[in-house]
Amino acid sequence: MWALADSPPWAGADMTDRELAARMCSGCPVRAECLEVELRTAGATTLGVWGGLSADDRRALYLLWAQRGDRGPRS
């Protein structure tokens, strides 16, 4: 774990947004829920890293997710 005064372990690395998002969120126990919240609230206007995906990846996913239909709880 890194302290607030330290740089996060991914800072300064030459990674793509996709690689950075995956690294930041690896091992997160609420990754799927995080992604669902962002798709529901921000939709196509998403920014940042949510659910282990970059903004570009979530925008592409949103188009498919929006066509999915039912937004009720999953069984």
PDB file of N, CA and C in Angstrom:
ATOM      1  N   MET A   1       0.850  -1.180   0.000  1.00  0.00           N
ATOM      2  CA  MET A   1       0.000   0.000   0.000  1.00  0.00           C
ATOM      3  C   MET A   1       0.889   1.234   0.000  1.00  0.00           C
ATOM      4  N   TRP A   2       0.484   2.248  -0.694  1.00  0.00           N
ATOM      5  CA  TRP A   2       1.277   3.467  -0.765  1.00  0.00           C
ATOM      6  C   TRP A   2       0.649   4.559   0.089  1.00  0.00           C
ATOM      7  N   ALA A   3       1.479   5.402   0.678  1.00  0.00           N
ATOM      8  CA  ALA A   3       1.006   6.514   1.505  1.00  0.00           C
ATOM      9  C   ALA A   3       0.614   7.681   0.605  1.00  0.00           C
ATOM     10  N   LEU A   4      -0.222   8.574   1.122  1.00  0.00           N
ATOM     11  CA  LEU A   4      -0.679   9.716   0.333  1.00  0.00           C
ATOM     12  C   LEU A   4       0.477  10.582  -0.154  1.00  0.00           C
ATOM     13  N   ALA A   5       1.535  10.684   0.605  1.00  0.00           N
ATOM     14  CA  ALA A   5       2.685  11.499   0.202  1.00  0.00           C
ATOM     15  C   ALA A   5       3.467  10.851  -0.933  1.00  0.00           C
ATOM     16  N   ASP A   6       3.327   9.552  -1.097  1.00  0.00           N
ATOM     17  CA  ASP A   6       4.030   8.829  -2.151  1.00  0.00           C
ATOM     18  C   ASP A   6       3.225   8.872  -3.444  1.00  0.00           C
ATOM     19  N   SER A   7       3.907   8.668  -4.540  1.00  0.00           N
ATOM     20  CA  SER A   7       3.220   8.516  -5.818  1.00  0.00           C
ATOM     21  C   SER A   7       2.637   7.119  -5.885  1.00  0.00           C
ATOM     22  N   PRO A   8       1.464   6.957  -6.500  1.00  0.00           N
ATOM     23  CA  PRO A   8       0.933   5.603  -6.660  1.00  0.00           C
ATOM     24  C   PRO A   8       1.874   4.780  -7.527  1.00  0.00           C
ATOM     25  N   PRO A   9       1.846   3.460  -7.378  1.00  0.00           N
ATOM     26  CA  PRO A   9       2.798   2.606  -8.092  1.00  0.00           C
ATOM     27  C   PRO A   9       2.685   2.696  -9.609  1.00  0.00           C
ATOM     28  N   TRP A  10       1.569   3.180 -10.137  1.00  0.00           N
ATOM     29  CA  TRP A  10       1.418   3.254 -11.579  1.00  0.00           C
ATOM     30  C   TRP A  10       1.802   4.630 -12.127  1.00  0.00           C
ATOM     31  N   ALA A  11       2.101   5.599 -11.287  1.00  0.00           N
ATOM     32  CA  ALA A  11       2.420   6.950 -11.737  1.00  0.00           C
ATOM     33  C   ALA A  11       3.714   6.951 -12.556  1.00  0.00           C
ATOM     34  N   GLY A  12       3.703   7.693 -13.629  1.00  0.00           N
ATOM     35  CA  GLY A  12       4.886   7.852 -14.442  1.00  0.00           C
ATOM     36  C   GLY A  12       5.180   6.697 -15.378  1.00  0.00           C
ATOM     37  N   ALA A  13       4.423   5.632 -15.285  1.00  0.00           N
ATOM     38  CA  ALA A  13       4.651   4.479 -16.154  1.00  0.00           C
ATOM     39  C   ALA A  13       4.090   4.768 -17.542  1.00  0.00           C
ATOM     40  N   ASP A  14       4.724   4.244 -18.546  1.00  0.00           N
ATOM     41  CA  ASP A  14       4.242   4.412 -19.914  1.00  0.00           C
ATOM     42  C   ASP A  14       3.239   3.310 -20.227  1.00  0.00           C
ATOM     43  N   MET A  15       1.993   3.542 -19.826  1.00  0.00           N
ATOM     44  CA  MET A  15       0.929   2.572 -20.047  1.00  0.00           C
ATOM     45  C   MET A  15      -0.198   3.234 -20.837  1.00  0.00           C
ATOM     46  N   THR A  16      -0.918   2.427 -21.570  1.00  0.00           N
ATOM     47  CA  THR A  16      -2.106   2.937 -22.231  1.00  0.00           C
ATOM     48  C   THR A  16      -3.194   3.141 -21.168  1.00  0.00           C
ATOM     49  N   ASP A  17      -4.232   3.888 -21.501  1.00  0.00           N
ATOM     50  CA  ASP A  17      -5.344   4.086 -20.572  1.00  0.00           C
ATOM     51  C   ASP A  17      -5.955   2.744 -20.179  1.00  0.00           C
ATOM     52  N   ARG A  18      -6.057   1.848 -21.123  1.00  0.00           N
ATOM     53  CA  ARG A  18      -6.626   0.518 -20.867  1.00  0.00           C
ATOM     54  C   ARG A  18      -5.777  -0.253 -19.847  1.00  0.00           C
ATOM     55  N   GLU A  19      -4.456  -0.213 -20.023  1.00  0.00           N
ATOM     56  CA  GLU A  19      -3.555  -0.902 -19.094  1.00  0.00           C
ATOM     57  C   GLU A  19      -3.599  -0.265 -17.706  1.00  0.00           C
ATOM     58  N   LEU A  20      -3.638   1.045 -17.664  1.00  0.00           N
ATOM     59  CA  LEU A  20      -3.694   1.757 -16.397  1.00  0.00           C
ATOM     60  C   LEU A  20      -4.977   1.426 -15.634  1.00  0.00           C
ATOM     61  N   ALA A  21      -6.106   1.442 -16.316  1.00  0.00           N
ATOM     62  CA  ALA A  21      -7.386   1.123 -15.674  1.00  0.00           C
ATOM     63  C   ALA A  21      -7.373  -0.299 -15.121  1.00  0.00           C
ATOM     64  N   ALA A  22      -6.882  -1.233 -15.892  1.00  0.00           N
ATOM     65  CA  ALA A  22      -6.834  -2.626 -15.447  1.00  0.00           C
ATOM     66  C   ALA A  22      -5.934  -2.772 -14.231  1.00  0.00           C
ATOM     67  N   ARG A  23      -4.813  -2.100 -14.225  1.00  0.00           N
ATOM     68  CA  ARG A  23      -3.883  -2.195 -13.096  1.00  0.00           C
ATOM     69  C   ARG A  23      -4.458  -1.542 -11.844  1.00  0.00           C
ATOM     70  N   MET A  24      -5.064  -0.375 -12.001  1.00  0.00           N
ATOM     71  CA  MET A  24      -5.622   0.338 -10.852  1.00  0.00           C
ATOM     72  C   MET A  24      -6.714  -0.480 -10.165  1.00  0.00           C
ATOM     73  N   CYS A  25      -7.494  -1.191 -10.941  1.00  0.00           N
ATOM     74  CA  CYS A  25      -8.669  -1.879 -10.402  1.00  0.00           C
ATOM     75  C   CYS A  25      -8.467  -3.372 -10.181  1.00  0.00           C
ATOM     76  N   SER A  26      -7.297  -3.882 -10.484  1.00  0.00           N
ATOM     77  CA  SER A  26      -7.087  -5.324 -10.320  1.00  0.00           C
ATOM     78  C   SER A  26      -7.288  -5.715  -8.861  1.00  0.00           C
ATOM     79  N   GLY A  27      -8.022  -6.776  -8.672  1.00  0.00           N
ATOM     80  CA  GLY A  27      -8.278  -7.280  -7.335  1.00  0.00           C
ATOM     81  C   GLY A  27      -9.373  -6.567  -6.569  1.00  0.00           C
ATOM     82  N   CYS A  28     -10.000  -5.573  -7.159  1.00  0.00           N
ATOM     83  CA  CYS A  28     -11.063  -4.840  -6.474  1.00  0.00           C
ATOM     84  C   CYS A  28     -12.302  -5.729  -6.350  1.00  0.00           C
ATOM     85  N   PRO A  29     -12.850  -5.860  -5.145  1.00  0.00           N
ATOM     86  CA  PRO A  29     -13.998  -6.751  -4.958  1.00  0.00           C
ATOM     87  C   PRO A  29     -15.318  -6.182  -5.481  1.00  0.00           C
ATOM     88  N   VAL A  30     -15.365  -4.894  -5.809  1.00  0.00           N
ATOM     89  CA  VAL A  30     -16.619  -4.291  -6.285  1.00  0.00           C
ATOM     90  C   VAL A  30     -16.488  -3.748  -7.713  1.00  0.00           C
ATOM     91  N   ARG A  31     -15.592  -4.331  -8.462  1.00  0.00           N
ATOM     92  CA  ARG A  31     -15.319  -3.870  -9.822  1.00  0.00           C
ATOM     93  C   ARG A  31     -16.563  -3.910 -10.716  1.00  0.00           C
ATOM     94  N   ALA A  32     -17.305  -4.992 -10.698  1.00  0.00           N
ATOM     95  CA  ALA A  32     -18.509  -5.112 -11.536  1.00  0.00           C
ATOM     96  C   ALA A  32     -19.577  -4.113 -11.109  1.00  0.00           C
ATOM     97  N   GLU A  33     -19.744  -3.943  -9.809  1.00  0.00           N
ATOM     98  CA  GLU A  33     -20.738  -2.994  -9.305  1.00  0.00           C
ATOM     99  C   GLU A  33     -20.347  -1.558  -9.647  1.00  0.00           C
ATOM    100  N   CYS A  34     -19.082  -1.265  -9.570  1.00  0.00           N
ATOM    101  CA  CYS A  34     -18.557   0.054  -9.922  1.00  0.00           C
ATOM    102  C   CYS A  34     -18.866   0.373 -11.382  1.00  0.00           C
ATOM    103  N   LEU A  35     -18.615  -0.588 -12.250  1.00  0.00           N
ATOM    104  CA  LEU A  35     -18.898  -0.415 -13.670  1.00  0.00           C
ATOM    105  C   LEU A  35     -20.387  -0.197 -13.909  1.00  0.00           C
ATOM    106  N   GLU A  36     -21.212  -0.967 -13.252  1.00  0.00           N
ATOM    107  CA  GLU A  36     -22.670  -0.835 -13.403  1.00  0.00           C
ATOM    108  C   GLU A  36     -23.145   0.546 -12.973  1.00  0.00           C
ATOM    109  N   VAL A  37     -22.656   1.047 -11.857  1.00  0.00           N
ATOM    110  CA  VAL A  37     -23.038   2.378 -11.376  1.00  0.00           C
ATOM    111  C   VAL A  37     -22.654   3.443 -12.399  1.00  0.00           C
ATOM    112  N   GLU A  38     -21.463   3.344 -12.940  1.00  0.00           N
ATOM    113  CA  GLU A  38     -21.017   4.343 -13.911  1.00  0.00           C
ATOM    114  C   GLU A  38     -21.832   4.272 -15.199  1.00  0.00           C
ATOM    115  N   LEU A  39     -22.141   3.088 -15.664  1.00  0.00           N
ATOM    116  CA  LEU A  39     -22.967   2.967 -16.873  1.00  0.00           C
ATOM    117  C   LEU A  39     -24.357   3.566 -16.632  1.00  0.00           C
ATOM    118  N   ARG A  40     -24.907   3.343 -15.450  1.00  0.00           N
ATOM    119  CA  ARG A  40     -26.234   3.863 -15.124  1.00  0.00           C
ATOM    120  C   ARG A  40     -26.245   5.377 -14.938  1.00  0.00           C
ATOM    121  N   THR A  41     -25.192   5.952 -14.371  1.00  0.00           N
ATOM    122  CA  THR A  41     -25.216   7.372 -14.032  1.00  0.00           C
ATOM    123  C   THR A  41     -24.584   8.274 -15.091  1.00  0.00           C
ATOM    124  N   ALA A  42     -23.476   7.882 -15.660  1.00  0.00           N
ATOM    125  CA  ALA A  42     -22.781   8.748 -16.611  1.00  0.00           C
ATOM    126  C   ALA A  42     -23.068   8.371 -18.054  1.00  0.00           C
ATOM    127  N   GLY A  43     -23.283   7.093 -18.302  1.00  0.00           N
ATOM    128  CA  GLY A  43     -23.569   6.656 -19.664  1.00  0.00           C
ATOM    129  C   GLY A  43     -22.460   6.992 -20.628  1.00  0.00           C
ATOM    130  N   ALA A  44     -22.815   7.584 -21.739  1.00  0.00           N
ATOM    131  CA  ALA A  44     -21.851   7.896 -22.801  1.00  0.00           C
ATOM    132  C   ALA A  44     -20.955   9.074 -22.444  1.00  0.00           C
ATOM    133  N   THR A  45     -21.247   9.793 -21.371  1.00  0.00           N
ATOM    134  CA  THR A  45     -20.429  10.942 -20.984  1.00  0.00           C
ATOM    135  C   THR A  45     -19.405  10.579 -19.908  1.00  0.00           C
ATOM    136  N   THR A  46     -19.112   9.324 -19.767  1.00  0.00           N
ATOM    137  CA  THR A  46     -18.224   8.820 -18.732  1.00  0.00           C
ATOM    138  C   THR A  46     -16.803   9.366 -18.857  1.00  0.00           C
ATOM    139  N   LEU A  47     -16.170   9.570 -17.720  1.00  0.00           N
ATOM    140  CA  LEU A  47     -14.779  10.026 -17.658  1.00  0.00           C
ATOM    141  C   LEU A  47     -14.048   9.243 -16.581  1.00  0.00           C
ATOM    142  N   GLY A  48     -12.741   9.161 -16.674  1.00  0.00           N
ATOM    143  CA  GLY A  48     -11.943   8.528 -15.636  1.00  0.00           C
ATOM    144  C   GLY A  48     -11.887   7.025 -15.754  1.00  0.00           C
ATOM    145  N   VAL A  49     -11.617   6.396 -14.618  1.00  0.00           N
ATOM    146  CA  VAL A  49     -11.509   4.940 -14.536  1.00  0.00           C
ATOM    147  C   VAL A  49     -12.608   4.428 -13.631  1.00  0.00           C
ATOM    148  N   TRP A  50     -13.420   3.546 -14.143  1.00  0.00           N
ATOM    149  CA  TRP A  50     -14.505   2.919 -13.393  1.00  0.00           C
ATOM    150  C   TRP A  50     -14.558   1.456 -13.805  1.00  0.00           C
ATOM    151  N   GLY A  51     -14.705   0.580 -12.843  1.00  0.00           N
ATOM    152  CA  GLY A  51     -14.874  -0.834 -13.139  1.00  0.00           C
ATOM    153  C   GLY A  51     -13.743  -1.464 -13.917  1.00  0.00           C
ATOM    154  N   GLY A  52     -12.567  -0.904 -13.800  1.00  0.00           N
ATOM    155  CA  GLY A  52     -11.408  -1.475 -14.479  1.00  0.00           C
ATOM    156  C   GLY A  52     -11.336  -1.202 -15.963  1.00  0.00           C
ATOM    157  N   LEU A  53     -12.172  -0.277 -16.450  1.00  0.00           N
ATOM    158  CA  LEU A  53     -12.173   0.049 -17.876  1.00  0.00           C
ATOM    159  C   LEU A  53     -11.850   1.520 -18.090  1.00  0.00           C
ATOM    160  N   SER A  54     -11.202   1.818 -19.182  1.00  0.00           N
ATOM    161  CA  SER A  54     -10.932   3.203 -19.550  1.00  0.00           C
ATOM    162  C   SER A  54     -12.222   3.844 -20.058  1.00  0.00           C
ATOM    163  N   ALA A  55     -12.228   5.164 -20.139  1.00  0.00           N
ATOM    164  CA  ALA A  55     -13.407   5.885 -20.603  1.00  0.00           C
ATOM    165  C   ALA A  55     -13.793   5.470 -22.026  1.00  0.00           C
ATOM    166  N   ASP A  56     -12.815   5.299 -22.907  1.00  0.00           N
ATOM    167  CA  ASP A  56     -13.110   4.878 -24.283  1.00  0.00           C
ATOM    168  C   ASP A  56     -13.770   3.503 -24.312  1.00  0.00           C
ATOM    169  N   ASP A  57     -13.255   2.588 -23.490  1.00  0.00           N
ATOM    170  CA  ASP A  57     -13.837   1.242 -23.448  1.00  0.00           C
ATOM    171  C   ASP A  57     -15.264   1.280 -22.900  1.00  0.00           C
ATOM    172  N   ARG A  58     -15.490   2.113 -21.876  1.00  0.00           N
ATOM    173  CA  ARG A  58     -16.846   2.195 -21.319  1.00  0.00           C
ATOM    174  C   ARG A  58     -17.821   2.843 -22.280  1.00  0.00           C
ATOM    175  N   ARG A  59     -17.369   3.828 -23.046  1.00  0.00           N
ATOM    176  CA  ARG A  59     -18.264   4.440 -24.039  1.00  0.00           C
ATOM    177  C   ARG A  59     -18.702   3.406 -25.075  1.00  0.00           C
ATOM    178  N   ALA A  60     -17.781   2.579 -25.520  1.00  0.00           N
ATOM    179  CA  ALA A  60     -18.122   1.526 -26.482  1.00  0.00           C
ATOM    180  C   ALA A  60     -19.050   0.501 -25.832  1.00  0.00           C
ATOM    181  N   LEU A  61     -18.767   0.132 -24.600  1.00  0.00           N
ATOM    182  CA  LEU A  61     -19.608  -0.822 -23.884  1.00  0.00           C
ATOM    183  C   LEU A  61     -20.994  -0.250 -23.633  1.00  0.00           C
ATOM    184  N   TYR A  62     -21.078   1.048 -23.366  1.00  0.00           N
ATOM    185  CA  TYR A  62     -22.361   1.673 -23.052  1.00  0.00           C
ATOM    186  C   TYR A  62     -23.371   1.475 -24.179  1.00  0.00           C
ATOM    187  N   LEU A  63     -22.928   1.580 -25.414  1.00  0.00           N
ATOM    188  CA  LEU A  63     -23.840   1.400 -26.550  1.00  0.00           C
ATOM    189  C   LEU A  63     -24.487   0.025 -26.511  1.00  0.00           C
ATOM    190  N   LEU A  64     -23.713  -1.001 -26.208  1.00  0.00           N
ATOM    191  CA  LEU A  64     -24.257  -2.364 -26.095  1.00  0.00           C
ATOM    192  C   LEU A  64     -25.113  -2.506 -24.843  1.00  0.00           C
ATOM    193  N   TRP A  65     -24.641  -1.948 -23.742  1.00  0.00           N
ATOM    194  CA  TRP A  65     -25.345  -2.034 -22.464  1.00  0.00           C
ATOM    195  C   TRP A  65     -26.717  -1.361 -22.565  1.00  0.00           C
ATOM    196  N   ALA A  66     -26.777  -0.215 -23.226  1.00  0.00           N
ATOM    197  CA  ALA A  66     -28.036   0.519 -23.353  1.00  0.00           C
ATOM    198  C   ALA A  66     -29.060  -0.255 -24.183  1.00  0.00           C
ATOM    199  N   GLN A  67     -28.607  -1.051 -25.129  1.00  0.00           N
ATOM    200  CA  GLN A  67     -29.505  -1.852 -25.965  1.00  0.00           C
ATOM    201  C   GLN A  67     -29.958  -3.125 -25.268  1.00  0.00           C
ATOM    202  N   ARG A  68     -29.316  -3.456 -24.160  1.00  0.00           N
ATOM    203  CA  ARG A  68     -29.606  -4.696 -23.438  1.00  0.00           C
ATOM    204  C   ARG A  68     -31.047  -4.773 -22.966  1.00  0.00           C
ATOM    205  N   GLY A  69     -31.632  -3.632 -22.613  1.00  0.00           N
ATOM    206  CA  GLY A  69     -33.030  -3.641 -22.191  1.00  0.00           C
ATOM    207  C   GLY A  69     -33.201  -3.627 -20.707  1.00  0.00           C
ATOM    208  N   ASP A  70     -33.666  -4.698 -20.135  1.00  0.00           N
ATOM    209  CA  ASP A  70     -34.004  -4.781 -18.717  1.00  0.00           C
ATOM    210  C   ASP A  70     -32.857  -4.344 -17.825  1.00  0.00           C
ATOM    211  N   ARG A  71     -33.116  -3.419 -16.927  1.00  0.00           N
ATOM    212  CA  ARG A  71     -32.105  -2.949 -15.996  1.00  0.00           C
ATOM    213  C   ARG A  71     -32.390  -3.399 -14.565  1.00  0.00           C
ATOM    214  N   GLY A  72     -33.251  -4.376 -14.410  1.00  0.00           N
ATOM    215  CA  GLY A  72     -33.598  -4.873 -13.090  1.00  0.00           C
ATOM    216  C   GLY A  72     -32.460  -5.633 -12.451  1.00  0.00           C
ATOM    217  N   PRO A  73     -32.609  -5.980 -11.189  1.00  0.00           N
ATOM    218  CA  PRO A  73     -31.559  -6.740 -10.504  1.00  0.00           C
ATOM    219  C   PRO A  73     -31.321  -8.100 -11.158  1.00  0.00           C
ATOM    220  N   ARG A  74     -30.056  -8.485 -11.159  1.00  0.00           N
ATOM    221  CA  ARG A  74     -29.702  -9.790 -11.725  1.00  0.00           C
ATOM    222  C   ARG A  74     -29.969 -10.883 -10.695  1.00  0.00           C
ATOM    223  N   SER A  75     -30.376 -12.044 -11.155  1.00  0.00           N
ATOM    224  CA  SER A  75     -30.631 -13.164 -10.239  1.00  0.00           C
ATOM    225  C   SER A  75     -29.371 -13.921  -9.967  1.00  0.00           C
TER     226      SER A  75
END
